[in-house]
Structures are given as C-alpha cells and as structure tokens.
Amino acid sequence: ELVATITSVRNTNYANSVKGRFTISRDNARNTVY
C-alpha cells in the first residue's frame, strides 16, 4: 500500500492511516528521499 509520495515540486500525499504522524521529504543535493 501507498504510504506517502512527494513530487518534483514537493507536493505531498499521505495515506489516511499515517497522516499527521509521518512526513516525507527530499534532499535533491543528496539524491535522497526520507
């Protein structure tokens, strides 16, 4: 199941079950998503 997504412009989506508890982010300089 989907947990979270983040687009190239940092739009985010979260599953209802994790909303408010989980945070997705990205560091383009390190090619890393968290």
PDB file of all heavy atoms in Angstrom:
ATOM      1  N   GLU A   1       0.817  -1.196   0.000  1.00  0.00           N
ATOM      2  CA  GLU A   1       0.000   0.000   0.000  1.00  0.00           C
ATOM      3  C   GLU A   1       0.858   1.256   0.000  1.00  0.00           C
ATOM      4  O   GLU A   1       1.983   1.264   0.500  1.00  0.00           O
ATOM      5  CB  GLU A   1      -0.931   0.027   1.223  1.00  0.00           C
ATOM      6  CG  GLU A   1      -0.205   0.119   2.559  1.00  0.00           C
ATOM      7  CD  GLU A   1      -1.136   0.245   3.745  1.00  0.00           C
ATOM      8  OE1 GLU A   1      -2.357   0.387   3.541  1.00  0.00           O
ATOM      9  OE2 GLU A   1      -0.648   0.196   4.893  1.00  0.00           O
ATOM     10  N   LEU A   2       0.301   2.313  -0.564  1.00  0.00           N
ATOM     11  CA  LEU A   2       0.972   3.605  -0.588  1.00  0.00           C
ATOM     12  C   LEU A   2       1.010   4.194   0.814  1.00  0.00           C
ATOM     13  O   LEU A   2       0.010   4.172   1.538  1.00  0.00           O
ATOM     14  CB  LEU A   2       0.257   4.553  -1.548  1.00  0.00           C
ATOM     15  CG  LEU A   2       0.870   5.944  -1.765  1.00  0.00           C
ATOM     16  CD1 LEU A   2       0.587   6.416  -3.177  1.00  0.00           C
ATOM     17  CD2 LEU A   2       0.311   6.949  -0.767  1.00  0.00           C
ATOM     18  N   VAL A   3       2.166   4.728   1.202  1.00  0.00           N
ATOM     19  CA  VAL A   3       2.323   5.437   2.462  1.00  0.00           C
ATOM     20  C   VAL A   3       2.374   6.940   2.224  1.00  0.00           C
ATOM     21  O   VAL A   3       1.622   7.705   2.827  1.00  0.00           O
ATOM     22  CB  VAL A   3       3.578   4.983   3.222  1.00  0.00           C
ATOM     23  CG1 VAL A   3       3.767   5.792   4.503  1.00  0.00           C
ATOM     24  CG2 VAL A   3       3.497   3.491   3.532  1.00  0.00           C
ATOM     25  N   ALA A   4       3.275   7.375   1.338  1.00  0.00           N
ATOM     26  CA  ALA A   4       3.438   8.796   1.057  1.00  0.00           C
ATOM     27  C   ALA A   4       4.157   8.977  -0.268  1.00  0.00           C
ATOM     28  O   ALA A   4       4.955   8.136  -0.673  1.00  0.00           O
ATOM     29  CB  ALA A   4       4.225   9.494   2.174  1.00  0.00           C
ATOM     30  N   THR A   5       3.867  10.091  -0.947  1.00  0.00           N
ATOM     31  CA  THR A   5       4.582  10.462  -2.162  1.00  0.00           C
ATOM     32  C   THR A   5       4.978  11.927  -2.092  1.00  0.00           C
ATOM     33  O   THR A   5       4.359  12.716  -1.382  1.00  0.00           O
ATOM     34  CB  THR A   5       3.752  10.239  -3.436  1.00  0.00           C
ATOM     35  OG1 THR A   5       2.575  11.045  -3.400  1.00  0.00           O
ATOM     36  CG2 THR A   5       3.366   8.770  -3.583  1.00  0.00           C
ATOM     37  N   ILE A   6       6.011  12.272  -2.856  1.00  0.00           N
ATOM     38  CA  ILE A   6       6.444  13.655  -2.971  1.00  0.00           C
ATOM     39  C   ILE A   6       6.879  13.901  -4.407  1.00  0.00           C
ATOM     40  O   ILE A   6       7.657  13.136  -4.971  1.00  0.00           O
ATOM     41  CB  ILE A   6       7.561  13.990  -1.954  1.00  0.00           C
ATOM     42  CG1 ILE A   6       7.944  15.468  -2.037  1.00  0.00           C
ATOM     43  CG2 ILE A   6       8.780  13.090  -2.149  1.00  0.00           C
ATOM     44  CD1 ILE A   6       8.791  15.939  -0.850  1.00  0.00           C
ATOM     45  N   THR A   7       6.357  14.966  -5.017  1.00  0.00           N
ATOM     46  CA  THR A   7       6.662  15.273  -6.399  1.00  0.00           C
ATOM     47  C   THR A   7       7.910  16.123  -6.506  1.00  0.00           C
ATOM     48  O   THR A   7       8.524  16.518  -5.508  1.00  0.00           O
ATOM     49  CB  THR A   7       5.494  16.005  -7.074  1.00  0.00           C
ATOM     50  OG1 THR A   7       5.407  17.340  -6.539  1.00  0.00           O
ATOM     51  CG2 THR A   7       4.178  15.276  -6.850  1.00  0.00           C
ATOM     52  N   SER A   8       8.283  16.424  -7.754  1.00  0.00           N
ATOM     53  CA  SER A   8       9.460  17.244  -8.009  1.00  0.00           C
ATOM     54  C   SER A   8       9.314  18.664  -7.470  1.00  0.00           C
ATOM     55  O   SER A   8      10.320  19.321  -7.204  1.00  0.00           O
ATOM     56  CB  SER A   8       9.761  17.289  -9.510  1.00  0.00           C
ATOM     57  OG  SER A   8       8.680  17.851 -10.227  1.00  0.00           O
ATOM     58  N   VAL A   9       8.076  19.129  -7.323  1.00  0.00           N
ATOM     59  CA  VAL A   9       7.836  20.457  -6.760  1.00  0.00           C
ATOM     60  C   VAL A   9       7.405  20.377  -5.296  1.00  0.00           C
ATOM     61  O   VAL A   9       6.897  21.345  -4.740  1.00  0.00           O
ATOM     62  CB  VAL A   9       6.799  21.246  -7.592  1.00  0.00           C
ATOM     63  CG1 VAL A   9       7.350  21.531  -8.977  1.00  0.00           C
ATOM     64  CG2 VAL A   9       5.478  20.505  -7.689  1.00  0.00           C
ATOM     65  N   ARG A  10       7.604  19.213  -4.687  1.00  0.00           N
ATOM     66  CA  ARG A  10       7.378  18.975  -3.261  1.00  0.00           C
ATOM     67  C   ARG A  10       5.914  19.010  -2.842  1.00  0.00           C
ATOM     68  O   ARG A  10       5.601  19.319  -1.685  1.00  0.00           O
ATOM     69  CB  ARG A  10       8.231  19.918  -2.414  1.00  0.00           C
ATOM     70  CG  ARG A  10       9.722  19.598  -2.507  1.00  0.00           C
ATOM     71  CD  ARG A  10      10.549  20.448  -1.572  1.00  0.00           C
ATOM     72  NE  ARG A  10      11.917  19.944  -1.461  1.00  0.00           N
ATOM     73  CZ  ARG A  10      12.909  20.250  -2.291  1.00  0.00           C
ATOM     74  NH1 ARG A  10      12.677  21.056  -3.319  1.00  0.00           N
ATOM     75  NH2 ARG A  10      14.115  19.742  -2.111  1.00  0.00           N
ATOM     76  N   ASN A  11       5.018  18.675  -3.769  1.00  0.00           N
ATOM     77  CA  ASN A  11       3.656  18.342  -3.377  1.00  0.00           C
ATOM     78  C   ASN A  11       3.668  16.966  -2.729  1.00  0.00           C
ATOM     79  O   ASN A  11       4.337  16.052  -3.213  1.00  0.00           O
ATOM     80  CB  ASN A  11       2.719  18.320  -4.582  1.00  0.00           C
ATOM     81  CG  ASN A  11       2.470  19.694  -5.142  1.00  0.00           C
ATOM     82  OD1 ASN A  11       2.396  20.678  -4.408  1.00  0.00           O
ATOM     83  ND2 ASN A  11       2.321  19.770  -6.460  1.00  0.00           N
ATOM     84  N   THR A  12       2.930  16.789  -1.642  1.00  0.00           N
ATOM     85  CA  THR A  12       2.931  15.536  -0.903  1.00  0.00           C
ATOM     86  C   THR A  12       1.532  14.959  -0.770  1.00  0.00           C
ATOM     87  O   THR A  12       0.545  15.688  -0.719  1.00  0.00           O
ATOM     88  CB  THR A  12       3.523  15.723   0.505  1.00  0.00           C
ATOM     89  OG1 THR A  12       2.779  16.719   1.215  1.00  0.00           O
ATOM     90  CG2 THR A  12       4.979  16.150   0.420  1.00  0.00           C
ATOM     91  N   ASN A  13       1.472  13.631  -0.730  1.00  0.00           N
ATOM     92  CA  ASN A  13       0.256  12.894  -0.436  1.00  0.00           C
ATOM     93  C   ASN A  13       0.563  11.853   0.622  1.00  0.00           C
ATOM     94  O   ASN A  13       1.651  11.271   0.625  1.00  0.00           O
ATOM     95  CB  ASN A  13      -0.295  12.190  -1.682  1.00  0.00           C
ATOM     96  CG  ASN A  13      -0.883  13.128  -2.699  1.00  0.00           C
ATOM     97  OD1 ASN A  13      -1.439  14.169  -2.351  1.00  0.00           O
ATOM     98  ND2 ASN A  13      -0.776  12.762  -3.973  1.00  0.00           N
ATOM     99  N   TYR A  14      -0.405  11.601   1.513  1.00  0.00           N
ATOM    100  CA  TYR A  14      -0.231  10.626   2.577  1.00  0.00           C
ATOM    101  C   TYR A  14      -1.445   9.719   2.674  1.00  0.00           C
ATOM    102  O   TYR A  14      -2.576  10.151   2.457  1.00  0.00           O
ATOM    103  CB  TYR A  14      -0.051  11.310   3.934  1.00  0.00           C
ATOM    104  CG  TYR A  14       1.192  12.142   4.054  1.00  0.00           C
ATOM    105  CD1 TYR A  14       1.174  13.494   3.763  1.00  0.00           C
ATOM    106  CD2 TYR A  14       2.392  11.568   4.474  1.00  0.00           C
ATOM    107  CE1 TYR A  14       2.316  14.266   3.877  1.00  0.00           C
ATOM    108  CE2 TYR A  14       3.541  12.337   4.589  1.00  0.00           C
ATOM    109  CZ  TYR A  14       3.498  13.678   4.290  1.00  0.00           C
ATOM    110  OH  TYR A  14       4.631  14.447   4.411  1.00  0.00           O
ATOM    111  N   ALA A  15      -1.202   8.469   3.025  1.00  0.00           N
ATOM    112  CA  ALA A  15      -2.290   7.592   3.395  1.00  0.00           C
ATOM    113  C   ALA A  15      -2.965   8.129   4.650  1.00  0.00           C
ATOM    114  O   ALA A  15      -2.304   8.684   5.539  1.00  0.00           O
ATOM    115  CB  ALA A  15      -1.784   6.176   3.646  1.00  0.00           C
ATOM    116  N   ASN A  16      -4.287   7.976   4.730  1.00  0.00           N
ATOM    117  CA  ASN A  16      -5.009   8.473   5.900  1.00  0.00           C
ATOM    118  C   ASN A  16      -4.485   7.863   7.201  1.00  0.00           C
ATOM    119  O   ASN A  16      -4.488   8.527   8.245  1.00  0.00           O
ATOM    120  CB  ASN A  16      -6.497   8.191   5.754  1.00  0.00           C
ATOM    121  CG  ASN A  16      -7.165   9.077   4.727  1.00  0.00           C
ATOM    122  OD1 ASN A  16      -6.715  10.190   4.465  1.00  0.00           O
ATOM    123  ND2 ASN A  16      -8.251   8.599   4.146  1.00  0.00           N
ATOM    124  N   SER A  17      -4.016   6.631   7.144  1.00  0.00           N
ATOM    125  CA  SER A  17      -3.568   5.944   8.341  1.00  0.00           C
ATOM    126  C   SER A  17      -2.289   6.532   8.936  1.00  0.00           C
ATOM    127  O   SER A  17      -1.984   6.284  10.101  1.00  0.00           O
ATOM    128  CB  SER A  17      -3.366   4.456   8.049  1.00  0.00           C
ATOM    129  OG  SER A  17      -2.407   4.276   7.020  1.00  0.00           O
ATOM    130  N   VAL A  18      -1.536   7.305   8.149  1.00  0.00           N
ATOM    131  CA  VAL A  18      -0.276   7.866   8.636  1.00  0.00           C
ATOM    132  C   VAL A  18      -0.286   9.385   8.687  1.00  0.00           C
ATOM    133  O   VAL A  18       0.673   9.990   9.199  1.00  0.00           O
ATOM    134  CB  VAL A  18       0.926   7.390   7.793  1.00  0.00           C
ATOM    135  CG1 VAL A  18       0.934   5.877   7.674  1.00  0.00           C
ATOM    136  CG2 VAL A  18       0.927   8.046   6.411  1.00  0.00           C
ATOM    137  N   LYS A  19      -1.330  10.011   8.190  1.00  0.00           N
ATOM    138  CA  LYS A  19      -1.411  11.466   8.132  1.00  0.00           C
ATOM    139  C   LYS A  19      -1.289  12.065   9.531  1.00  0.00           C
ATOM    140  O   LYS A  19      -1.963  11.636  10.463  1.00  0.00           O
ATOM    141  CB  LYS A  19      -2.715  11.886   7.463  1.00  0.00           C
ATOM    142  CG  LYS A  19      -2.747  13.326   6.980  1.00  0.00           C
ATOM    143  CD  LYS A  19      -3.975  13.593   6.104  1.00  0.00           C
ATOM    144  CE  LYS A  19      -3.953  12.751   4.846  1.00  0.00           C
ATOM    145  NZ  LYS A  19      -5.121  13.034   3.960  1.00  0.00           N
ATOM    146  N   GLY A  20      -0.414  13.046   9.656  1.00  0.00           N
ATOM    147  CA  GLY A  20      -0.174  13.678  10.941  1.00  0.00           C
ATOM    148  C   GLY A  20       0.917  13.033  11.758  1.00  0.00           C
ATOM    149  O   GLY A  20       1.385  13.623  12.744  1.00  0.00           O
ATOM    150  N   ARG A  21       1.334  11.826  11.381  1.00  0.00           N
ATOM    151  CA  ARG A  21       2.388  11.112  12.098  1.00  0.00           C
ATOM    152  C   ARG A  21       3.664  10.978  11.277  1.00  0.00           C
ATOM    153  O   ARG A  21       4.760  10.998  11.839  1.00  0.00           O
ATOM    154  CB  ARG A  21       1.920   9.717  12.521  1.00  0.00           C
ATOM    155  CG  ARG A  21       0.712   9.734  13.447  1.00  0.00           C
ATOM    156  CD  ARG A  21       0.404   8.334  13.962  1.00  0.00           C
ATOM    157  NE  ARG A  21       0.048   7.415  12.878  1.00  0.00           N
ATOM    158  CZ  ARG A  21       0.701   6.284  12.617  1.00  0.00           C
ATOM    159  NH1 ARG A  21       1.744   5.925  13.361  1.00  0.00           N
ATOM    160  NH2 ARG A  21       0.297   5.502  11.625  1.00  0.00           N
ATOM    161  N   PHE A  22       3.517  10.794   9.955  1.00  0.00           N
ATOM    162  CA  PHE A  22       4.656  10.598   9.065  1.00  0.00           C
ATOM    163  C   PHE A  22       4.875  11.843   8.215  1.00  0.00           C
ATOM    164  O   PHE A  22       3.925  12.545   7.857  1.00  0.00           O
ATOM    165  CB  PHE A  22       4.421   9.416   8.120  1.00  0.00           C
ATOM    166  CG  PHE A  22       4.406   8.063   8.773  1.00  0.00           C
ATOM    167  CD1 PHE A  22       4.386   7.908  10.145  1.00  0.00           C
ATOM    168  CD2 PHE A  22       4.419   6.923   7.973  1.00  0.00           C
ATOM    169  CE1 PHE A  22       4.370   6.653  10.729  1.00  0.00           C
ATOM    170  CE2 PHE A  22       4.402   5.661   8.545  1.00  0.00           C
ATOM    171  CZ  PHE A  22       4.375   5.523   9.915  1.00  0.00           C
ATOM    172  N   THR A  23       6.133  12.102   7.854  1.00  0.00           N
ATOM    173  CA  THR A  23       6.480  13.206   6.979  1.00  0.00           C
ATOM    174  C   THR A  23       7.471  12.730   5.928  1.00  0.00           C
ATOM    175  O   THR A  23       8.522  12.183   6.267  1.00  0.00           O
ATOM    176  CB  THR A  23       7.096  14.379   7.754  1.00  0.00           C
ATOM    177  OG1 THR A  23       6.191  14.823   8.769  1.00  0.00           O
ATOM    178  CG2 THR A  23       7.384  15.543   6.808  1.00  0.00           C
ATOM    179  N   ILE A  24       7.138  12.942   4.654  1.00  0.00           N
ATOM    180  CA  ILE A  24       8.055  12.629   3.571  1.00  0.00           C
ATOM    181  C   ILE A  24       8.763  13.909   3.139  1.00  0.00           C
ATOM    182  O   ILE A  24       8.152  14.983   3.100  1.00  0.00           O
ATOM    183  CB  ILE A  24       7.325  11.964   2.379  1.00  0.00           C
ATOM    184  CG1 ILE A  24       8.327  11.448   1.343  1.00  0.00           C
ATOM    185  CG2 ILE A  24       6.311  12.908   1.746  1.00  0.00           C
ATOM    186  CD1 ILE A  24       7.687  10.566   0.261  1.00  0.00           C
ATOM    187  N   SER A  25      10.050  13.805   2.841  1.00  0.00           N
ATOM    188  CA  SER A  25      10.822  14.955   2.399  1.00  0.00           C
ATOM    189  C   SER A  25      11.900  14.495   1.427  1.00  0.00           C
ATOM    190  O   SER A  25      12.151  13.294   1.287  1.00  0.00           O
ATOM    191  CB  SER A  25      11.444  15.698   3.585  1.00  0.00           C
ATOM    192  OG  SER A  25      12.342  14.863   4.295  1.00  0.00           O
ATOM    193  N   ARG A  26      12.538  15.443   0.760  1.00  0.00           N
ATOM    194  CA  ARG A  26      13.596  15.089  -0.184  1.00  0.00           C
ATOM    195  C   ARG A  26      14.715  16.101  -0.126  1.00  0.00           C
ATOM    196  O   ARG A  26      14.500  17.285   0.154  1.00  0.00           O
ATOM    197  CB  ARG A  26      13.039  14.979  -1.611  1.00  0.00           C
ATOM    198  CG  ARG A  26      12.529  16.284  -2.207  1.00  0.00           C
ATOM    199  CD  ARG A  26      11.703  16.039  -3.472  1.00  0.00           C
ATOM    200  NE  ARG A  26      12.501  15.421  -4.514  1.00  0.00           N
ATOM    201  CZ  ARG A  26      11.998  14.708  -5.519  1.00  0.00           C
ATOM    202  NH1 ARG A  26      10.682  14.526  -5.610  1.00  0.00           N
ATOM    203  NH2 ARG A  26      12.804  14.189  -6.436  1.00  0.00           N
ATOM    204  N   ASP A  27      15.927  15.625  -0.396  1.00  0.00           N
ATOM    205  CA  ASP A  27      17.116  16.455  -0.482  1.00  0.00           C
ATOM    206  C   ASP A  27      17.709  16.202  -1.858  1.00  0.00           C
ATOM    207  O   ASP A  27      18.388  15.194  -2.076  1.00  0.00           O
ATOM    208  CB  ASP A  27      18.106  16.112   0.623  1.00  0.00           C
ATOM    209  CG  ASP A  27      19.303  17.046   0.653  1.00  0.00           C
ATOM    210  OD1 ASP A  27      19.570  17.729  -0.348  1.00  0.00           O
ATOM    211  OD2 ASP A  27      19.980  17.094   1.700  1.00  0.00           O
ATOM    212  N   ASN A  28      17.429  17.100  -2.795  1.00  0.00           N
ATOM    213  CA  ASN A  28      17.879  16.890  -4.164  1.00  0.00           C
ATOM    214  C   ASN A  28      19.398  16.932  -4.309  1.00  0.00           C
ATOM    215  O   ASN A  28      19.956  16.301  -5.209  1.00  0.00           O
ATOM    216  CB  ASN A  28      17.238  17.920  -5.094  1.00  0.00           C
ATOM    217  CG  ASN A  28      15.760  17.677  -5.305  1.00  0.00           C
ATOM    218  OD1 ASN A  28      15.241  16.606  -4.992  1.00  0.00           O
ATOM    219  ND2 ASN A  28      15.065  18.678  -5.847  1.00  0.00           N
ATOM    220  N   ALA A  29      20.082  17.660  -3.434  1.00  0.00           N
ATOM    221  CA  ALA A  29      21.540  17.716  -3.480  1.00  0.00           C
ATOM    222  C   ALA A  29      22.165  16.375  -3.127  1.00  0.00           C
ATOM    223  O   ALA A  29      23.291  16.089  -3.532  1.00  0.00           O
ATOM    224  CB  ALA A  29      22.058  18.807  -2.550  1.00  0.00           C
ATOM    225  N   ARG A  30      21.454  15.553  -2.355  1.00  0.00           N
ATOM    226  CA  ARG A  30      21.952  14.243  -1.955  1.00  0.00           C
ATOM    227  C   ARG A  30      21.230  13.101  -2.646  1.00  0.00           C
ATOM    228  O   ARG A  30      21.506  11.934  -2.358  1.00  0.00           O
ATOM    229  CB  ARG A  30      21.840  14.078  -0.439  1.00  0.00           C
ATOM    230  CG  ARG A  30      22.754  15.008   0.340  1.00  0.00           C
ATOM    231  CD  ARG A  30      22.539  14.879   1.836  1.00  0.00           C
ATOM    232  NE  ARG A  30      23.573  15.571   2.591  1.00  0.00           N
ATOM    233  CZ  ARG A  30      23.569  16.865   2.837  1.00  0.00           C
ATOM    234  NH1 ARG A  30      22.585  17.640   2.401  1.00  0.00           N
ATOM    235  NH2 ARG A  30      24.558  17.417   3.537  1.00  0.00           N
ATOM    236  N   ASN A  31      20.314  13.411  -3.569  1.00  0.00           N
ATOM    237  CA  ASN A  31      19.515  12.393  -4.262  1.00  0.00           C
ATOM    238  C   ASN A  31      18.873  11.424  -3.277  1.00  0.00           C
ATOM    239  O   ASN A  31      18.882  10.202  -3.475  1.00  0.00           O
ATOM    240  CB  ASN A  31      20.373  11.629  -5.280  1.00  0.00           C
ATOM    241  CG  ASN A  31      20.685  12.435  -6.520  1.00  0.00           C
ATOM    242  OD1 ASN A  31      20.300  13.590  -6.654  1.00  0.00           O
ATOM    243  ND2 ASN A  31      21.406  11.819  -7.456  1.00  0.00           N
ATOM    244  N   THR A  32      18.304  11.969  -2.212  1.00  0.00           N
ATOM    245  CA  THR A  32      17.768  11.151  -1.126  1.00  0.00           C
ATOM    246  C   THR A  32      16.363  11.598  -0.750  1.00  0.00           C
ATOM    247  O   THR A  32      16.094  12.798  -0.653  1.00  0.00           O
ATOM    248  CB  THR A  32      18.684  11.215   0.103  1.00  0.00           C
ATOM    249  OG1 THR A  32      19.994  10.750  -0.260  1.00  0.00           O
ATOM    250  CG2 THR A  32      18.149  10.349   1.233  1.00  0.00           C
ATOM    251  N   VAL A  33      15.493  10.618  -0.528  1.00  0.00           N
ATOM    252  CA  VAL A  33      14.160  10.867  -0.004  1.00  0.00           C
ATOM    253  C   VAL A  33      14.074  10.243   1.387  1.00  0.00           C
ATOM    254  O   VAL A  33      14.664   9.187   1.637  1.00  0.00           O
ATOM    255  CB  VAL A  33      13.066  10.324  -0.946  1.00  0.00           C
ATOM    256  CG1 VAL A  33      13.153   8.816  -1.098  1.00  0.00           C
ATOM    257  CG2 VAL A  33      11.683  10.745  -0.469  1.00  0.00           C
ATOM    258  N   TYR A  34      13.365  10.910   2.301  1.00  0.00           N
ATOM    259  CA  TYR A  34      13.264  10.478   3.680  1.00  0.00           C
ATOM    260  C   TYR A  34      11.803  10.232   4.067  1.00  0.00           C
ATOM    261  O   TYR A  34      10.889  10.813   3.492  1.00  0.00           O
ATOM    262  CB  TYR A  34      13.827  11.537   4.629  1.00  0.00           C
ATOM    263  CG  TYR A  34      15.253  11.924   4.349  1.00  0.00           C
ATOM    264  CD1 TYR A  34      15.536  13.037   3.559  1.00  0.00           C
ATOM    265  CD2 TYR A  34      16.312  11.187   4.865  1.00  0.00           C
ATOM    266  CE1 TYR A  34      16.845  13.399   3.301  1.00  0.00           C
ATOM    267  CE2 TYR A  34      17.620  11.549   4.608  1.00  0.00           C
ATOM    268  CZ  TYR A  34      17.884  12.659   3.826  1.00  0.00           C
ATOM    269  OH  TYR A  34      19.183  13.023   3.565  1.00  0.00           O
TER     270      TYR A  34
END
